[in-house]
């Protein structure tokens, strides 16, 4: 057989073994000595084949083998970012984060760096699934998403990063509200005020501000701090008249013969003055 024909037969057999798994008993396509018999394009093709079948763990393995065997090649660079994507699809967030960070460390100026940073952010963001979880992940997601927004503003990932940043920010406010309502329901009014104040001062662009103001009306009235309650109501009246929270606070205050207007010298009055000047939210 001519040399060219022998090479073609070997290539066909290699493709059969790697892509179709048609080796005999005991054949392990993951064995290091087996991997070393294939070229970077062949292993990369197998990884893509596994991705297409939603076998993301296998895909991540084969992409990793490309990087291991051909670390300084174009195939190795492509395989590393694809490995991060495969791990993320497999919900293996720790390994997805590690692969994405490795790509950023090795190829910071690469066109795919924005995607790597976005995958790194998603490895935190996609674990924010309920209000009651540890908020450390939310803070880490916000930090990583901010890098996408600020470092890659012209990339296709900036817009979805902004959307996810806003949702994660809202999530933090929701956690403060949950704890504040818990304290309020148990008549720990001072503790509840502290939580609702955080929402009003630090999360004023979220969807929770109107309720936080109403809860402040409730808590301050319970504490006998009438001026603070009236001022919280005044802010509601200025910005949130169309909400149920304004109606509830209006009924609560007027039911006690009180007006919804800024009173006294307190932190809410300072915010009210900012609202009137248009400098707040």
Protein backbone atom coordinates (compact mmCIF):
# COMPACT_ATOMS: atom_id res chain seq x y z
CA UNK A 1 0.00 0.00 0.00
CA UNK A 2 1.30 3.45 -0.87
CA UNK A 3 2.30 5.74 1.96
CA UNK A 4 -0.52 8.18 1.14
CA UNK A 5 -3.08 5.40 1.24
CA UNK A 6 -1.79 4.14 4.58
CA UNK A 7 -2.12 7.63 6.09
CA UNK A 8 -5.70 7.90 4.86
CA UNK A 9 -6.61 4.55 6.40
CA UNK A 10 -4.98 5.57 9.69
CA UNK A 11 -6.93 8.83 9.69
CA UNK A 12 -10.21 7.01 9.09
CA UNK A 13 -9.49 4.57 11.92
CA UNK A 14 -8.54 7.42 14.23
CA UNK A 15 -11.76 9.27 13.48
CA UNK A 16 -13.73 6.09 14.06
CA UNK A 17 -12.08 5.52 17.44
CA UNK A 18 -12.38 9.10 18.67
CA UNK A 19 -15.74 10.20 17.29
CA UNK A 20 -17.70 6.98 17.13
CA UNK A 21 -16.02 5.03 19.92
CA UNK A 22 -15.76 1.93 17.70
CA UNK A 23 -12.62 0.54 19.30
CA UNK A 24 -12.63 -2.95 20.76
CA UNK A 25 -13.27 -3.96 24.35
CA UNK A 26 -11.24 -2.11 26.93
CA UNK A 27 -10.75 0.94 24.71
CA UNK A 28 -10.89 4.17 26.72
CA UNK A 29 -11.03 7.36 24.64
CA UNK A 30 -10.08 9.34 27.76
CA UNK A 31 -6.78 7.58 28.35
CA UNK A 32 -3.80 9.97 28.00
CA UNK A 33 -1.94 7.61 25.67
CA UNK A 34 -5.01 7.47 23.42
CA UNK A 35 -5.36 11.25 23.29
CA UNK A 36 -1.75 11.66 22.25
CA UNK A 37 -2.48 9.75 19.05
CA UNK A 38 -4.83 12.45 17.76
CA UNK A 39 -4.32 15.88 16.32
CA UNK A 40 -5.74 19.05 17.87
CA UNK A 41 -8.47 19.40 15.21
CA UNK A 42 -9.56 15.79 15.77
CA UNK A 43 -9.89 16.16 19.53
CA UNK A 44 -11.57 19.54 19.12
CA UNK A 45 -14.06 17.97 16.73
CA UNK A 46 -14.86 15.28 19.28
CA UNK A 47 -15.44 17.98 21.91
CA UNK A 48 -17.83 19.81 19.60
CA UNK A 49 -19.59 16.52 18.91
CA UNK A 50 -20.14 16.02 22.64
CA UNK A 51 -21.37 19.62 23.01
CA UNK A 52 -23.93 19.03 20.27
CA UNK A 53 -25.19 15.99 22.21
CA UNK A 54 -25.44 18.03 25.43
CA UNK A 55 -22.76 15.89 27.02
CA UNK A 56 -21.02 18.90 28.45
CA UNK A 57 -18.79 17.08 30.94
CA UNK A 58 -17.29 15.00 28.12
CA UNK A 59 -16.96 18.10 25.96
CA UNK A 60 -15.09 19.92 28.73
CA UNK A 61 -12.72 16.97 29.05
CA UNK A 62 -11.87 16.91 25.34
CA UNK A 63 -11.45 20.67 25.14
CA UNK A 64 -9.13 20.35 28.13
CA UNK A 65 -7.11 17.69 26.31
CA UNK A 66 -6.62 20.04 23.37
CA UNK A 67 -5.25 22.66 25.73
CA UNK A 68 -3.08 20.13 27.55
CA UNK A 69 -1.54 18.62 24.42
CA UNK A 70 -1.36 21.79 22.31
CA UNK A 71 -1.12 24.58 24.91
CA UNK A 72 0.51 27.26 22.73
CA UNK A 73 -1.48 26.65 19.57
CA UNK A 74 -4.52 28.44 18.20
CA UNK A 75 -6.45 25.24 18.88
CA UNK A 76 -5.39 25.35 22.52
CA UNK A 77 -6.57 28.94 22.87
CA UNK A 78 -9.96 28.15 21.30
CA UNK A 79 -10.31 25.01 23.39
CA UNK A 80 -9.78 26.89 26.65
CA UNK A 81 -12.66 29.31 26.12
CA UNK A 82 -14.85 26.47 24.88
CA UNK A 83 -13.99 24.45 27.96
CA UNK A 84 -15.23 27.31 30.13
CA UNK A 85 -18.47 27.36 28.11
CA UNK A 86 -18.88 23.58 28.41
CA UNK A 87 -18.39 23.65 32.16
CA UNK A 88 -20.93 26.44 32.45
CA UNK A 89 -23.46 24.49 30.40
CA UNK A 90 -22.85 21.57 32.75
CA UNK A 91 -23.52 23.87 35.73
CA UNK A 92 -20.03 23.13 37.01
CA UNK A 93 -19.61 26.76 37.99
CA UNK A 94 -16.36 26.40 39.90
CA UNK A 95 -14.54 24.83 36.95
CA UNK A 96 -16.22 27.23 34.52
CA UNK A 97 -14.90 30.12 36.58
CA UNK A 98 -11.41 28.62 36.73
CA UNK A 99 -11.24 28.04 32.97
CA UNK A 100 -12.55 31.52 32.19
CA UNK A 101 -10.06 33.11 34.58
CA UNK A 102 -7.22 31.10 33.07
CA UNK A 103 -8.18 32.36 29.63
CA UNK A 104 -8.17 35.95 30.90
CA UNK A 105 -4.77 35.42 32.51
CA UNK A 106 -3.23 33.95 29.37
CA UNK A 107 -5.04 35.98 26.70
CA UNK A 108 -6.15 39.30 28.22
CA UNK A 109 -6.14 41.12 24.87
CA UNK A 110 -7.87 38.35 22.91
CA UNK A 111 -11.20 39.15 21.19
CA UNK A 112 -12.78 36.37 23.28
CA UNK A 113 -11.67 37.98 26.56
CA UNK A 114 -15.05 39.74 26.85
CA UNK A 115 -16.81 36.39 26.54
CA UNK A 116 -14.50 34.85 29.13
CA UNK A 117 -15.26 37.67 31.58
CA UNK A 118 -18.98 37.29 30.90
CA UNK A 119 -18.77 33.53 31.56
CA UNK A 120 -16.91 34.26 34.78
CA UNK A 121 -19.69 36.63 35.84
CA UNK A 122 -22.37 34.10 34.91
CA UNK A 123 -20.64 31.48 37.07
CA UNK A 124 -21.69 33.63 40.03
CA UNK A 125 -24.92 35.09 38.66
CA UNK A 126 -26.53 31.78 37.68
CA UNK A 127 -26.31 30.59 41.29
CA UNK A 128 -28.50 33.46 42.53
CA UNK A 129 -31.73 31.51 42.49
CA UNK A 130 -33.60 32.63 45.58
CA UNK A 131 -33.66 35.57 47.98
CA UNK A 132 -32.76 33.53 51.03
CA UNK A 133 -29.33 32.39 49.83
CA UNK A 134 -25.98 33.77 50.95
CA UNK A 135 -25.57 37.18 49.34
CA UNK A 136 -21.82 36.75 48.84
CA UNK A 137 -22.49 35.26 45.40
CA UNK A 138 -24.60 38.28 44.49
CA UNK A 139 -21.81 40.70 45.41
CA UNK A 140 -19.31 38.65 43.41
CA UNK A 141 -21.68 38.58 40.43
CA UNK A 142 -22.06 42.36 40.60
CA UNK A 143 -18.30 42.86 40.68
CA UNK A 144 -17.69 40.54 37.72
CA UNK A 145 -20.56 42.01 35.69
CA UNK A 146 -19.24 45.52 36.32
CA UNK A 147 -15.92 44.46 34.77
CA UNK A 148 -17.77 43.35 31.63
CA UNK A 149 -19.65 46.65 31.46
CA UNK A 150 -16.66 48.90 32.11
CA UNK A 151 -13.87 46.99 30.34
CA UNK A 152 -15.83 45.76 27.31
CA UNK A 153 -18.53 48.42 26.73
CA UNK A 154 -18.64 47.82 22.97
CA UNK A 155 -18.90 44.04 23.15
CA UNK A 156 -22.07 42.07 22.59
CA UNK A 157 -21.96 41.08 26.27
CA UNK A 158 -22.19 44.60 27.71
CA UNK A 159 -25.96 44.92 27.26
CA UNK A 160 -26.91 41.57 28.85
CA UNK A 161 -24.37 42.29 31.60
CA UNK A 162 -26.14 45.58 32.36
CA UNK A 163 -29.49 43.79 32.56
CA UNK A 164 -28.12 41.11 34.86
CA UNK A 165 -26.34 43.74 36.98
CA UNK A 166 -29.68 45.50 37.55
CA UNK A 167 -31.38 42.21 38.43
CA UNK A 168 -28.61 41.25 40.87
CA UNK A 169 -28.76 44.71 42.42
CA UNK A 170 -32.52 44.29 42.83
CA UNK A 171 -31.87 40.91 44.43
CA UNK A 172 -29.76 42.51 47.15
CA UNK A 173 -32.52 45.01 47.87
CA UNK A 174 -35.01 42.15 48.06
CA UNK A 175 -32.87 40.48 50.70
CA UNK A 176 -32.82 43.67 52.79
CA UNK A 177 -36.59 43.90 52.47
CA UNK A 178 -37.04 40.28 53.53
CA UNK A 179 -35.00 40.81 56.70
CA UNK A 180 -36.70 44.15 57.38
CA UNK A 181 -40.17 42.61 57.13
CA UNK A 182 -39.02 39.81 59.44
CA UNK A 183 -38.00 42.33 62.11
CA UNK A 184 -41.11 44.43 61.56
CA UNK A 185 -43.38 41.42 61.97
CA UNK A 186 -41.73 40.65 65.31
CA UNK A 187 -42.00 44.25 66.45
CA UNK A 188 -38.25 44.85 66.34
CA UNK A 189 -38.91 48.27 64.87
CA UNK A 190 -35.47 49.83 65.19
CA UNK A 191 -33.85 46.84 63.49
CA UNK A 192 -36.42 46.94 60.71
CA UNK A 193 -35.81 50.66 60.16
CA UNK A 194 -32.12 49.97 59.64
CA UNK A 195 -32.91 47.50 56.85
CA UNK A 196 -35.48 49.68 55.11
CA UNK A 197 -33.15 52.66 55.33
CA UNK A 198 -30.48 50.70 53.44
CA UNK A 199 -32.96 50.13 50.61
CA UNK A 200 -33.98 53.79 50.46
CA UNK A 201 -30.42 55.12 50.59
CA UNK A 202 -28.45 52.48 48.68
CA UNK A 203 -30.95 50.73 46.40
CA UNK A 204 -33.19 53.60 45.34
CA UNK A 205 -33.16 52.55 41.67
CA UNK A 206 -34.69 49.15 42.44
CA UNK A 207 -38.33 48.11 42.48
CA UNK A 208 -38.38 47.91 46.30
CA UNK A 209 -38.05 51.58 47.23
CA UNK A 210 -41.76 52.37 47.44
CA UNK A 211 -42.46 49.46 49.78
CA UNK A 212 -39.41 50.34 51.88
CA UNK A 213 -40.80 53.86 52.39
CA UNK A 214 -44.19 52.50 53.39
CA UNK A 215 -42.57 50.08 55.85
CA UNK A 216 -40.68 53.02 57.31
CA UNK A 217 -44.02 54.78 57.85
CA UNK A 218 -45.27 51.71 59.71
CA UNK A 219 -42.12 51.28 61.79
CA UNK A 220 -41.72 54.95 62.70
CA UNK A 221 -45.37 55.26 63.74
CA UNK A 222 -44.92 52.20 65.94
CA UNK A 223 -41.87 53.87 67.50
CA UNK A 224 -43.77 57.13 68.00
CA UNK A 225 -41.47 58.98 65.59
CA UNK A 226 -44.23 60.88 63.84
CA UNK A 227 -42.10 63.37 61.90
CA UNK A 228 -40.05 60.61 60.32
CA UNK A 229 -43.22 58.72 59.38
CA UNK A 230 -44.73 61.83 57.80
CA UNK A 231 -41.56 62.53 55.84
CA UNK A 232 -41.40 58.98 54.48
CA UNK A 233 -45.00 59.45 53.41
CA UNK A 234 -44.13 62.74 51.73
CA UNK A 235 -41.45 61.04 49.61
CA UNK A 236 -43.98 58.38 48.64
CA UNK A 237 -46.42 61.12 47.68
CA UNK A 238 -43.82 62.86 45.55
CA UNK A 239 -42.55 59.87 43.57
CA UNK A 240 -44.91 56.92 44.03
CA UNK A 241 -48.53 58.13 44.08
CA UNK A 242 -49.57 55.45 41.61
CA UNK A 243 -48.46 52.61 43.89
CA UNK A 244 -50.34 50.57 46.45
CA UNK A 245 -47.70 51.58 48.99
CA UNK A 246 -48.63 55.24 48.70
CA UNK A 247 -52.29 54.39 49.22
CA UNK A 248 -51.50 52.25 52.26
CA UNK A 249 -49.31 54.96 53.84
CA UNK A 250 -51.89 57.65 53.05
CA UNK A 251 -54.59 55.65 54.83
CA UNK A 252 -52.31 54.91 57.77
CA UNK A 253 -51.20 58.52 58.30
CA UNK A 254 -54.49 60.29 57.64
CA UNK A 255 -56.20 57.72 59.83
CA UNK A 256 -54.17 59.16 62.70
CA UNK A 257 -54.82 62.74 61.66
CA UNK A 258 -51.37 63.19 60.14
CA UNK A 259 -50.28 64.73 56.87
CA UNK A 260 -47.87 63.33 54.30
CA UNK A 261 -45.32 66.15 54.41
CA UNK A 262 -41.66 66.61 55.26
CA UNK A 263 -41.15 67.32 58.92
CA UNK A 264 -38.21 67.85 61.27
CA UNK A 265 -34.49 67.48 60.76
CA UNK A 266 -33.79 63.84 59.97
CA UNK A 267 -32.22 61.67 57.28
CA UNK A 268 -35.50 61.32 55.40
CA UNK A 269 -35.96 65.09 55.26
CA UNK A 270 -32.56 65.38 53.60
CA UNK A 271 -33.65 62.85 51.00
CA UNK A 272 -36.94 64.68 50.51
CA UNK A 273 -35.06 67.89 49.70
CA UNK A 274 -32.99 65.98 47.15
CA UNK A 275 -36.17 64.62 45.62
CA UNK A 276 -37.66 68.08 45.26
CA UNK A 277 -34.46 69.29 43.55
CA UNK A 278 -34.56 66.30 41.23
CA UNK A 279 -31.24 64.92 42.42
CA UNK A 280 -32.56 61.64 43.83
CA UNK A 281 -33.53 58.67 41.66
